[in-house]
C-alpha atoms as a PDB file:
ATOM      1  CA  MET A   1      -0.072   0.017   0.102  1.00  0.00           C
ATOM      2  CA  PRO A   2       1.190   3.577  -0.558  1.00  0.00           C
ATOM      3  CA  ARG A   3       2.988   5.515   2.497  1.00  0.00           C
ATOM      4  CA  SER A   4       1.889   9.157   3.010  1.00  0.00           C
ATOM      5  CA  SER A   5       3.442  12.185   1.348  1.00  0.00           C
ATOM      6  CA  GLN A   6       5.663  12.661   3.937  1.00  0.00           C
ATOM      7  CA  HIS A   7       7.925   9.978   2.747  1.00  0.00           C
ATOM      8  CA  THR A   8       8.366  10.917  -0.518  1.00  0.00           C
ATOM      9  CA  ALA A   9      11.178  13.168  -0.602  1.00  0.00           C
ATOM     10  CA  GLY A  10      14.496  11.976   1.598  1.00  0.00           C
ATOM     11  CA  PRO A  11      15.455  13.277   5.131  1.00  0.00           C
ATOM     12  CA  ARG A  12      15.924  16.821   5.922  1.00  0.00           C
ATOM     13  CA  VAL A  13      18.583  16.148   8.325  1.00  0.00           C
ATOM     14  CA  ALA A  14      20.783  13.299   7.287  1.00  0.00           C
ATOM     15  CA  PRO A  15      21.508  10.620  10.044  1.00  0.00           C
ATOM     16  CA  VAL A  16      25.200   9.758  11.289  1.00  0.00           C
ATOM     17  CA  GLU A  17      26.578   7.078   9.116  1.00  0.00           C
ATOM     18  CA  PRO A  18      29.582   4.882   9.885  1.00  0.00           C
ATOM     19  CA  PRO A  19      32.471   4.860  10.836  1.00  0.00           C
ATOM     20  CA  HIS A  20      31.548   6.973  14.031  1.00  0.00           C
ATOM     21  CA  ASP A  21      33.705   8.311  16.579  1.00  0.00           C
ATOM     22  CA  ALA A  22      33.747   7.117  19.920  1.00  0.00           C
ATOM     23  CA  GLU A  23      31.497   9.706  21.571  1.00  0.00           C
ATOM     24  CA  THR A  24      28.903   9.301  18.638  1.00  0.00           C
ATOM     25  CA  ALA A  25      29.360   5.574  18.886  1.00  0.00           C
ATOM     26  CA  ALA A  26      28.556   5.666  22.667  1.00  0.00           C
ATOM     27  CA  ALA A  27      25.667   7.793  22.186  1.00  0.00           C
ATOM     28  CA  LEU A  28      23.901   5.593  19.408  1.00  0.00           C
ATOM     29  CA  GLU A  29      24.728   2.331  21.785  1.00  0.00           C
ATOM     30  CA  ALA A  30      23.017   4.096  24.781  1.00  0.00           C
ATOM     31  CA  LEU A  31      19.826   4.560  22.301  1.00  0.00           C
ATOM     32  CA  GLY A  32      19.572   1.011  21.192  1.00  0.00           C
ATOM     33  CA  ALA A  33      18.775  -0.016  17.571  1.00  0.00           C
ATOM     34  CA  PRO A  34      20.396   2.354  15.008  1.00  0.00           C
ATOM     35  CA  ILE A  35      16.989   3.627  13.497  1.00  0.00           C
ATOM     36  CA  ALA A  36      16.994   6.809  11.323  1.00  0.00           C
ATOM     37  CA  LEU A  37      15.828   8.940  14.004  1.00  0.00           C
ATOM     38  CA  PHE A  38      18.221   7.954  16.825  1.00  0.00           C
ATOM     39  CA  ARG A  39      21.362   8.717  14.226  1.00  0.00           C
ATOM     40  CA  VAL A  40      19.601  12.406  13.755  1.00  0.00           C
ATOM     41  CA  PHE A  41      19.351  12.641  17.403  1.00  0.00           C
ATOM     42  CA  ALA A  42      23.514  11.120  17.658  1.00  0.00           C
ATOM     43  CA  ARG A  43      24.631  13.925  15.392  1.00  0.00           C
ATOM     44  CA  ARG A  44      24.989  15.622  19.157  1.00  0.00           C
ATOM     45  CA  PRO A  45      26.032  12.849  21.406  1.00  0.00           C
ATOM     46  CA  GLU A  46      24.895  14.908  24.270  1.00  0.00           C
ATOM     47  CA  ARG A  47      21.308  15.255  22.910  1.00  0.00           C
ATOM     48  CA  ALA A  48      21.189  11.726  22.435  1.00  0.00           C
ATOM     49  CA  HIS A  49      22.695  11.187  26.266  1.00  0.00           C
ATOM     50  CA  GLY A  50      19.735  13.491  27.545  1.00  0.00           C
ATOM     51  CA  LEU A  51      17.273  11.699  25.381  1.00  0.00           C
ATOM     52  CA  HIS A  52      18.349   8.057  26.752  1.00  0.00           C
ATOM     53  CA  GLY A  53      17.820   9.276  30.180  1.00  0.00           C
ATOM     54  CA  TRP A  54      14.389   9.688  29.674  1.00  0.00           C
ATOM     55  CA  GLY A  55      13.680   6.449  27.577  1.00  0.00           C
ATOM     56  CA  ARG A  56      15.360   4.457  29.975  1.00  0.00           C
ATOM     57  CA  TYR A  57      12.655   5.163  32.452  1.00  0.00           C
ATOM     58  CA  TYR A  58       9.508   4.990  30.230  1.00  0.00           C
ATOM     59  CA  LEU A  59      10.483   2.105  28.650  1.00  0.00           C
ATOM     60  CA  SER A  60      11.393   0.170  31.542  1.00  0.00           C
ATOM     61  CA  ARG A  61       9.312  -1.805  34.303  1.00  0.00           C
ATOM     62  CA  ARG A  62      10.294   1.173  36.529  1.00  0.00           C
ATOM     63  CA  ALA A  63       7.252   3.357  34.831  1.00  0.00           C
ATOM     64  CA  ALA A  64       3.968   3.470  36.505  1.00  0.00           C
ATOM     65  CA  LEU A  65       2.127   2.451  33.160  1.00  0.00           C
ATOM     66  CA  SER A  66       2.237  -1.237  31.867  1.00  0.00           C
ATOM     67  CA  LEU A  67       4.070  -1.990  28.564  1.00  0.00           C
ATOM     68  CA  ARG A  68       0.403  -2.523  27.086  1.00  0.00           C
ATOM     69  CA  HIS A  69      -0.745   0.543  28.308  1.00  0.00           C
ATOM     70  CA  ARG A  70       2.607   2.280  27.167  1.00  0.00           C
ATOM     71  CA  GLU A  71       2.164   1.605  23.654  1.00  0.00           C
ATOM     72  CA  LEU A  72      -1.211   2.266  23.451  1.00  0.00           C
ATOM     73  CA  VAL A  73      -0.172   6.035  24.606  1.00  0.00           C
ATOM     74  CA  ILE A  74       2.531   5.799  22.151  1.00  0.00           C
ATOM     75  CA  ASP A  75       0.761   4.067  19.139  1.00  0.00           C
ATOM     76  CA  ARG A  76      -2.234   6.479  19.386  1.00  0.00           C
ATOM     77  CA  THR A  77      -0.618   9.519  20.070  1.00  0.00           C
ATOM     78  CA  THR A  78       2.110   9.075  17.008  1.00  0.00           C
ATOM     79  CA  ARG A  79      -0.941   8.333  15.154  1.00  0.00           C
ATOM     80  CA  ARG A  80      -2.882  11.455  15.904  1.00  0.00           C
ATOM     81  CA  CYS A  81       0.167  13.307  15.381  1.00  0.00           C
ATOM     82  CA  GLY A  82       0.521  11.690  11.797  1.00  0.00           C
ATOM     83  CA  ALA A  83       3.924  10.636  12.666  1.00  0.00           C
ATOM     84  CA  GLU A  84       4.068   7.200  10.697  1.00  0.00           C
ATOM     85  CA  TYR A  85       7.513   6.960  10.985  1.00  0.00           C
ATOM     86  CA  GLU A  86       7.580   6.459  14.696  1.00  0.00           C
ATOM     87  CA  TRP A  87       4.097   4.738  14.549  1.00  0.00           C
ATOM     88  CA  GLY A  88       5.090   1.965  12.145  1.00  0.00           C
ATOM     89  CA  VAL A  89       8.708   1.462  14.359  1.00  0.00           C
ATOM     90  CA  HIS A  90       6.607   0.748  17.681  1.00  0.00           C
ATOM     91  CA  VAL A  91       4.022  -1.341  15.913  1.00  0.00           C
ATOM     92  CA  ALA A  92       6.636  -3.486  14.077  1.00  0.00           C
ATOM     93  CA  VAL A  93       8.546  -3.972  17.582  1.00  0.00           C
ATOM     94  CA  PHE A  94       6.492  -3.833  20.343  1.00  0.00           C
ATOM     95  CA  ALA A  95       2.757  -4.543  19.275  1.00  0.00           C
ATOM     96  CA  ALA A  96       3.183  -8.075  19.647  1.00  0.00           C
ATOM     97  CA  LYS A  97       4.729  -7.772  23.109  1.00  0.00           C
ATOM     98  CA  ALA A  98       2.270  -5.636  24.221  1.00  0.00           C
ATOM     99  CA  GLY A  99      -0.262  -8.230  23.393  1.00  0.00           C
ATOM    100  CA  LEU A 100      -2.289  -5.726  20.603  1.00  0.00           C
ATOM    101  CA  ASP A 101      -3.925  -7.140  17.459  1.00  0.00           C
ATOM    102  CA  ALA A 102      -4.702  -6.566  14.281  1.00  0.00           C
ATOM    103  CA  GLU A 103      -8.380  -5.640  15.127  1.00  0.00           C
ATOM    104  CA  GLN A 104      -6.850  -3.242  17.939  1.00  0.00           C
ATOM    105  CA  ILE A 105      -4.220  -1.635  15.578  1.00  0.00           C
ATOM    106  CA  ARG A 106      -6.658  -0.907  12.944  1.00  0.00           C
ATOM    107  CA  SER A 107      -8.556   0.975  15.816  1.00  0.00           C
ATOM    108  CA  ILE A 108      -5.842   2.687  16.764  1.00  0.00           C
ATOM    109  CA  VAL A 109      -5.153   3.779  13.097  1.00  0.00           C
ATOM    110  CA  ASP A 110      -9.079   4.656  12.478  1.00  0.00           C
ATOM    111  CA  GLY A 111     -11.287   4.110  15.314  1.00  0.00           C
ATOM    112  CA  GLY A 112     -11.673   4.845  18.788  1.00  0.00           C
ATOM    113  CA  PRO A 113     -11.689   3.780  22.387  1.00  0.00           C
ATOM    114  CA  ASP A 114     -15.599   2.524  21.851  1.00  0.00           C
ATOM    115  CA  ASP A 115     -14.744   0.149  19.281  1.00  0.00           C
ATOM    116  CA  GLY A 116     -15.637  -3.467  20.247  1.00  0.00           C
ATOM    117  CA  CYS A 117     -12.114  -4.918  20.332  1.00  0.00           C
ATOM    118  CA  TRP A 118     -11.642  -2.919  23.387  1.00  0.00           C
ATOM    119  CA  THR A 119     -13.119  -5.030  26.018  1.00  0.00           C
ATOM    120  CA  ASP A 120     -10.719  -3.815  28.859  1.00  0.00           C
ATOM    121  CA  PRO A 121     -11.600  -0.822  30.765  1.00  0.00           C
ATOM    122  CA  GLY A 122      -8.149   0.541  31.058  1.00  0.00           C
ATOM    123  CA  ASP A 123      -7.226   0.197  27.643  1.00  0.00           C
ATOM    124  CA  ARG A 124     -10.279   2.475  27.114  1.00  0.00           C
ATOM    125  CA  ALA A 125      -9.411   4.861  29.386  1.00  0.00           C
ATOM    126  CA  VAL A 126      -5.863   5.002  28.115  1.00  0.00           C
ATOM    127  CA  LEU A 127      -7.025   5.528  24.658  1.00  0.00           C
ATOM    128  CA  ARG A 128     -10.115   8.210  25.668  1.00  0.00           C
ATOM    129  CA  ALA A 129      -6.983  10.240  27.592  1.00  0.00           C
ATOM    130  CA  VAL A 130      -4.991  10.379  24.825  1.00  0.00           C
ATOM    131  CA  ASP A 131      -7.492  11.355  22.282  1.00  0.00           C
ATOM    132  CA  ALA A 132      -8.616  14.277  24.901  1.00  0.00           C
ATOM    133  CA  LEU A 133      -4.856  15.381  25.313  1.00  0.00           C
ATOM    134  CA  CYS A 134      -4.364  15.405  21.246  1.00  0.00           C
ATOM    135  CA  SER A 135      -7.557  17.314  21.087  1.00  0.00           C
ATOM    136  CA  THR A 136      -7.653  19.487  24.091  1.00  0.00           C
ATOM    137  CA  ASN A 137      -4.582  19.237  25.928  1.00  0.00           C
ATOM    138  CA  ASP A 138      -6.191  18.739  28.861  1.00  0.00           C
ATOM    139  CA  LEU A 139      -8.351  16.305  30.896  1.00  0.00           C
ATOM    140  CA  SER A 140     -11.588  17.168  32.407  1.00  0.00           C
ATOM    141  CA  ASP A 141     -12.147  15.985  35.933  1.00  0.00           C
ATOM    142  CA  ASP A 142     -14.640  13.186  34.429  1.00  0.00           C
ATOM    143  CA  GLU A 143     -11.378  11.737  32.083  1.00  0.00           C
ATOM    144  CA  TRP A 144      -8.897  12.178  34.935  1.00  0.00           C
ATOM    145  CA  GLY A 145     -10.969  10.287  37.178  1.00  0.00           C
ATOM    146  CA  GLU A 146     -11.579   7.045  34.713  1.00  0.00           C
ATOM    147  CA  LEU A 147      -7.697   7.508  33.933  1.00  0.00           C
ATOM    148  CA  ALA A 148      -6.583   7.389  37.557  1.00  0.00           C
ATOM    149  CA  GLY A 149      -8.983   4.533  38.293  1.00  0.00           C
ATOM    150  CA  ALA A 150      -7.355   2.416  35.932  1.00  0.00           C
ATOM    151  CA  VAL A 151      -4.074   3.270  35.990  1.00  0.00           C
ATOM    152  CA  GLY A 152      -3.675   5.075  38.991  1.00  0.00           C
ATOM    153  CA  GLU A 153      -2.411   8.379  39.918  1.00  0.00           C
ATOM    154  CA  GLU A 154       1.215   7.939  39.093  1.00  0.00           C
ATOM    155  CA  GLY A 155       0.238   5.653  35.918  1.00  0.00           C
ATOM    156  CA  ALA A 156      -1.413   8.906  35.013  1.00  0.00           C
ATOM    157  CA  VAL A 157       1.210  11.260  35.213  1.00  0.00           C
ATOM    158  CA  ASP A 158       3.441   9.085  33.819  1.00  0.00           C
ATOM    159  CA  LEU A 159       0.657   9.056  31.038  1.00  0.00           C
ATOM    160  CA  LEU A 160       0.347  12.767  30.813  1.00  0.00           C
ATOM    161  CA  LEU A 161       4.093  13.083  30.023  1.00  0.00           C
ATOM    162  CA  LEU A 162       5.073   9.921  27.508  1.00  0.00           C
ATOM    163  CA  CYS A 163       1.712  11.564  25.681  1.00  0.00           C
ATOM    164  CA  GLY A 164       3.646  14.614  25.550  1.00  0.00           C
ATOM    165  CA  TRP A 165       6.793  13.183  24.941  1.00  0.00           C
ATOM    166  CA  TYR A 166       5.957  11.251  22.009  1.00  0.00           C
ATOM    167  CA  HIS A 167       3.962  15.006  20.465  1.00  0.00           C
ATOM    168  CA  ALA A 168       8.197  16.058  20.541  1.00  0.00           C
ATOM    169  CA  ILE A 169       9.032  12.851  18.905  1.00  0.00           C
ATOM    170  CA  SER A 170       6.341  12.870  16.233  1.00  0.00           C
ATOM    171  CA  PHE A 171       7.327  16.229  15.423  1.00  0.00           C
ATOM    172  CA  ALA A 172      10.726  15.430  14.943  1.00  0.00           C
ATOM    173  CA  ALA A 173      10.092  12.675  12.763  1.00  0.00           C
ATOM    174  CA  ARG A 174       7.563  14.150  10.663  1.00  0.00           C
ATOM    175  CA  ALA A 175       9.383  17.958  10.041  1.00  0.00           C
ATOM    176  CA  LEU A 176      12.724  15.896   9.699  1.00  0.00           C
ATOM    177  CA  ARG A 177      10.860  13.687   6.590  1.00  0.00           C
ATOM    178  CA  LEU A 178      12.236  10.285   8.054  1.00  0.00           C
ATOM    179  CA  GLN A 179      12.047   7.551   5.697  1.00  0.00           C
ATOM    180  CA  PRO A 180      10.024   4.554   7.033  1.00  0.00           C
ATOM    181  CA  GLU A 181      12.153   1.798   8.613  1.00  0.00           C
ATOM    182  CA  PRO A 182      12.406  -1.405   6.790  1.00  0.00           C
ATOM    183  CA  GLY A 183       9.922  -3.632   7.691  1.00  0.00           C
ATOM    184  CA  THR A 184       7.876  -1.666   9.455  1.00  0.00           C
ATOM    185  CA  PRO A 185       4.259  -1.004   8.444  1.00  0.00           C
ATOM    186  CA  ALA A 186       2.113   1.790   7.377  1.00  0.00           C
ATOM    187  CA  PHE A 187      -1.136   3.587   8.236  1.00  0.00           C
ATOM    188  CA  GLY A 188      -2.926   2.161   5.000  1.00  0.00           C
ATOM    189  CA  ASP A 189      -1.739  -1.832   5.938  1.00  0.00           C
ATOM    190  CA  TYR A 190      -4.317  -1.383   8.938  1.00  0.00           C
ATOM    191  CA  ARG A 191      -7.163   0.481   7.012  1.00  0.00           C
ATOM    192  CA  SER A 192     -10.108  -1.507   6.490  1.00  0.00           C
END
């Protein structure tokens, strides 16, 4: 299926390519897989190391959100922001680990929290919170109550930060015009 027009041109900022000096190599190693986004961040190793600290928390078991809820936040936020590059990376790497099936991924792309595939109230609360934050930059008292009831207050705080963080990642991925990583899906792969 065709990709969105954001992927027709090359990246605006070239990702670093090997061979790398020791500082750049260390920054890339800290970030993980050498995807284009990380290779752009590693153009300034100090930036890469700063980003690594936050990433190390939210992708760990120390975070107050479960892996599944973290991925729901990331996948829905990147979809709402139109960041197909980052959405595709997360779906390819984490969807199965988070227990997301094809119907749920389709719902993340073109559906909503009231779709029949969302049977867990916690999943619905997380998706509703992301949608509200993306639409209004806020949560109503009812939305906050539903979210905190589902994931706890600490989970709700982590969700706010994670949703905001993936707005920033989405802005970078889109504005940099990063090309899709090999083997990652496109939004169109999950449209009805």
